[in-house]
Amino acid sequence: MSDHVYKHIELTGSSPHGVEDAVNNALEKARETLHGMRWFEVTDMRGHLEDGRVGHWQVTLKVGLSLD
């Protein structure tokens, strides 16, 4: 088995549709410029209220990228 070394970055995604969509939005945008993403960990979740209802979700992720 190979030794693995990872770099961690932090991303925050948002979505009016839910937590999973917020995560996917962050990862999809990151894919445009990053390679080697291997795992993520949700480190924070929060929401924005509009008229007493959830307007959108914000999710902060720690993402591990394998180094070349």
N, C-alpha and C. Protein backbone atom coordinates (compact mmCIF):
# COMPACT_ATOMS: atom_id res chain seq x y z
N MET A 1 0.84 -1.18 0.00
CA MET A 1 0.00 0.00 0.00
C MET A 1 0.88 1.24 0.00
N SER A 2 0.50 2.24 -0.78
CA SER A 2 1.26 3.47 -0.89
C SER A 2 1.05 4.36 0.34
N ASP A 3 2.05 5.18 0.62
CA ASP A 3 1.88 6.22 1.63
C ASP A 3 1.13 7.37 0.98
N HIS A 4 0.23 7.96 1.72
CA HIS A 4 -0.56 9.07 1.20
C HIS A 4 -0.26 10.33 2.00
N VAL A 5 -0.12 11.44 1.30
CA VAL A 5 0.05 12.75 1.93
C VAL A 5 -1.02 13.66 1.36
N TYR A 6 -1.72 14.38 2.24
CA TYR A 6 -2.83 15.23 1.83
C TYR A 6 -2.59 16.68 2.23
N LYS A 7 -3.09 17.57 1.42
CA LYS A 7 -3.18 18.99 1.75
C LYS A 7 -4.65 19.25 2.07
N HIS A 8 -4.91 20.07 3.10
CA HIS A 8 -6.29 20.40 3.47
C HIS A 8 -6.60 21.82 3.01
N ILE A 9 -7.79 21.99 2.46
CA ILE A 9 -8.28 23.33 2.15
C ILE A 9 -9.67 23.45 2.76
N GLU A 10 -10.14 24.67 2.88
CA GLU A 10 -11.47 24.90 3.43
C GLU A 10 -12.32 25.59 2.38
N LEU A 11 -13.53 25.10 2.21
CA LEU A 11 -14.49 25.65 1.25
C LEU A 11 -15.81 25.91 1.96
N THR A 12 -16.57 26.88 1.49
CA THR A 12 -17.93 27.08 1.97
C THR A 12 -18.84 27.17 0.77
N GLY A 13 -19.84 26.29 0.73
CA GLY A 13 -20.83 26.29 -0.33
C GLY A 13 -22.18 26.71 0.22
N SER A 14 -23.04 27.19 -0.66
CA SER A 14 -24.38 27.57 -0.22
C SER A 14 -25.42 27.09 -1.23
N SER A 15 -26.65 26.98 -0.74
CA SER A 15 -27.77 26.56 -1.58
C SER A 15 -29.08 26.87 -0.87
N PRO A 16 -30.08 27.30 -1.63
CA PRO A 16 -31.41 27.48 -1.04
C PRO A 16 -32.15 26.15 -0.89
N HIS A 17 -31.60 25.07 -1.45
CA HIS A 17 -32.30 23.79 -1.50
C HIS A 17 -31.93 22.80 -0.41
N GLY A 18 -30.80 23.01 0.28
CA GLY A 18 -30.46 22.10 1.36
C GLY A 18 -28.97 21.93 1.54
N VAL A 19 -28.63 21.21 2.59
CA VAL A 19 -27.24 20.99 2.98
C VAL A 19 -26.48 20.21 1.91
N GLU A 20 -27.05 19.14 1.41
CA GLU A 20 -26.35 18.33 0.40
C GLU A 20 -26.06 19.14 -0.86
N ASP A 21 -27.00 19.96 -1.29
CA ASP A 21 -26.76 20.80 -2.46
C ASP A 21 -25.66 21.82 -2.19
N ALA A 22 -25.60 22.35 -0.97
CA ALA A 22 -24.54 23.30 -0.61
C ALA A 22 -23.17 22.62 -0.69
N VAL A 23 -23.07 21.40 -0.19
CA VAL A 23 -21.82 20.63 -0.27
C VAL A 23 -21.45 20.41 -1.73
N ASN A 24 -22.39 19.93 -2.51
CA ASN A 24 -22.11 19.65 -3.92
C ASN A 24 -21.73 20.90 -4.70
N ASN A 25 -22.35 22.04 -4.38
CA ASN A 25 -21.99 23.29 -5.06
C ASN A 25 -20.54 23.66 -4.79
N ALA A 26 -20.11 23.52 -3.53
CA ALA A 26 -18.72 23.83 -3.19
C ALA A 26 -17.76 22.90 -3.92
N LEU A 27 -18.05 21.60 -3.92
CA LEU A 27 -17.16 20.63 -4.55
C LEU A 27 -17.13 20.77 -6.07
N GLU A 28 -18.26 21.05 -6.67
CA GLU A 28 -18.31 21.22 -8.13
C GLU A 28 -17.48 22.42 -8.56
N LYS A 29 -17.60 23.52 -7.83
CA LYS A 29 -16.81 24.72 -8.18
C LYS A 29 -15.32 24.45 -7.99
N ALA A 30 -14.96 23.76 -6.91
CA ALA A 30 -13.55 23.45 -6.65
C ALA A 30 -12.97 22.56 -7.74
N ARG A 31 -13.77 21.64 -8.27
CA ARG A 31 -13.31 20.73 -9.34
C ARG A 31 -12.82 21.47 -10.57
N GLU A 32 -13.30 22.71 -10.77
CA GLU A 32 -12.90 23.47 -11.95
C GLU A 32 -11.42 23.82 -11.94
N THR A 33 -10.82 23.93 -10.75
CA THR A 33 -9.42 24.35 -10.68
C THR A 33 -8.53 23.41 -9.87
N LEU A 34 -9.10 22.49 -9.12
CA LEU A 34 -8.31 21.60 -8.27
C LEU A 34 -8.39 20.17 -8.77
N HIS A 35 -7.34 19.40 -8.52
CA HIS A 35 -7.39 17.97 -8.83
C HIS A 35 -6.93 17.20 -7.59
N GLY A 36 -7.27 15.95 -7.54
CA GLY A 36 -6.82 15.10 -6.44
C GLY A 36 -7.66 15.19 -5.19
N MET A 37 -8.88 15.74 -5.27
CA MET A 37 -9.74 15.78 -4.08
C MET A 37 -10.14 14.35 -3.73
N ARG A 38 -9.95 13.96 -2.47
CA ARG A 38 -10.19 12.59 -2.05
C ARG A 38 -11.26 12.43 -0.99
N TRP A 39 -11.42 13.42 -0.12
CA TRP A 39 -12.38 13.29 0.96
C TRP A 39 -12.80 14.68 1.44
N PHE A 40 -13.90 14.73 2.18
CA PHE A 40 -14.31 15.99 2.80
C PHE A 40 -14.90 15.71 4.18
N GLU A 41 -14.87 16.73 5.00
CA GLU A 41 -15.44 16.68 6.34
C GLU A 41 -16.23 17.98 6.55
N VAL A 42 -17.48 17.87 6.93
CA VAL A 42 -18.28 19.06 7.24
C VAL A 42 -17.83 19.59 8.59
N THR A 43 -17.40 20.86 8.61
CA THR A 43 -16.91 21.45 9.86
C THR A 43 -17.87 22.48 10.43
N ASP A 44 -18.80 22.98 9.61
CA ASP A 44 -19.74 23.99 10.10
C ASP A 44 -20.95 24.04 9.18
N MET A 45 -22.11 24.25 9.77
CA MET A 45 -23.34 24.45 9.00
C MET A 45 -24.08 25.63 9.61
N ARG A 46 -24.63 26.44 8.76
CA ARG A 46 -25.46 27.54 9.23
C ARG A 46 -26.45 27.89 8.13
N GLY A 47 -27.43 28.67 8.48
CA GLY A 47 -28.44 29.06 7.51
C GLY A 47 -28.76 30.53 7.61
N HIS A 48 -29.34 31.03 6.56
CA HIS A 48 -29.78 32.42 6.49
C HIS A 48 -31.30 32.43 6.52
N LEU A 49 -31.88 33.25 7.37
CA LEU A 49 -33.33 33.31 7.49
C LEU A 49 -33.90 34.48 6.70
N GLU A 50 -35.00 34.21 6.04
CA GLU A 50 -35.76 35.24 5.32
C GLU A 50 -37.21 35.12 5.75
N ASP A 51 -37.74 36.14 6.39
CA ASP A 51 -39.12 36.13 6.90
C ASP A 51 -39.37 34.94 7.81
N GLY A 52 -38.39 34.60 8.65
CA GLY A 52 -38.54 33.51 9.60
C GLY A 52 -38.42 32.11 9.03
N ARG A 53 -38.04 32.00 7.77
CA ARG A 53 -37.86 30.69 7.12
C ARG A 53 -36.45 30.59 6.55
N VAL A 54 -36.03 29.36 6.32
CA VAL A 54 -34.69 29.15 5.76
C VAL A 54 -34.64 29.73 4.35
N GLY A 55 -33.74 30.69 4.16
CA GLY A 55 -33.53 31.27 2.84
C GLY A 55 -32.48 30.49 2.07
N HIS A 56 -31.39 30.14 2.75
CA HIS A 56 -30.38 29.28 2.15
C HIS A 56 -29.49 28.70 3.24
N TRP A 57 -28.81 27.64 2.89
CA TRP A 57 -27.88 26.94 3.77
C TRP A 57 -26.46 27.29 3.37
N GLN A 58 -25.56 27.38 4.36
CA GLN A 58 -24.13 27.51 4.11
C GLN A 58 -23.44 26.37 4.85
N VAL A 59 -22.57 25.66 4.14
CA VAL A 59 -21.85 24.52 4.72
C VAL A 59 -20.36 24.71 4.46
N THR A 60 -19.57 24.65 5.53
CA THR A 60 -18.12 24.76 5.42
C THR A 60 -17.53 23.36 5.48
N LEU A 61 -16.62 23.10 4.55
CA LEU A 61 -16.00 21.78 4.41
C LEU A 61 -14.49 21.88 4.53
N LYS A 62 -13.89 20.88 5.12
CA LYS A 62 -12.45 20.67 5.02
C LYS A 62 -12.30 19.60 3.94
N VAL A 63 -11.50 19.89 2.92
CA VAL A 63 -11.32 18.96 1.80
C VAL A 63 -9.86 18.51 1.76
N GLY A 64 -9.65 17.20 1.62
CA GLY A 64 -8.31 16.65 1.50
C GLY A 64 -7.96 16.38 0.05
N LEU A 65 -6.81 16.94 -0.38
CA LEU A 65 -6.30 16.72 -1.73
C LEU A 65 -5.02 15.91 -1.63
N SER A 66 -4.92 14.88 -2.42
CA SER A 66 -3.67 14.10 -2.40
C SER A 66 -2.61 14.87 -3.19
N LEU A 67 -1.41 14.88 -2.65
CA LEU A 67 -0.31 15.57 -3.32
C LEU A 67 0.34 14.65 -4.34
N ASP A 68 0.78 15.25 -5.46
CA ASP A 68 1.46 14.49 -6.51
C ASP A 68 2.80 13.97 -6.04
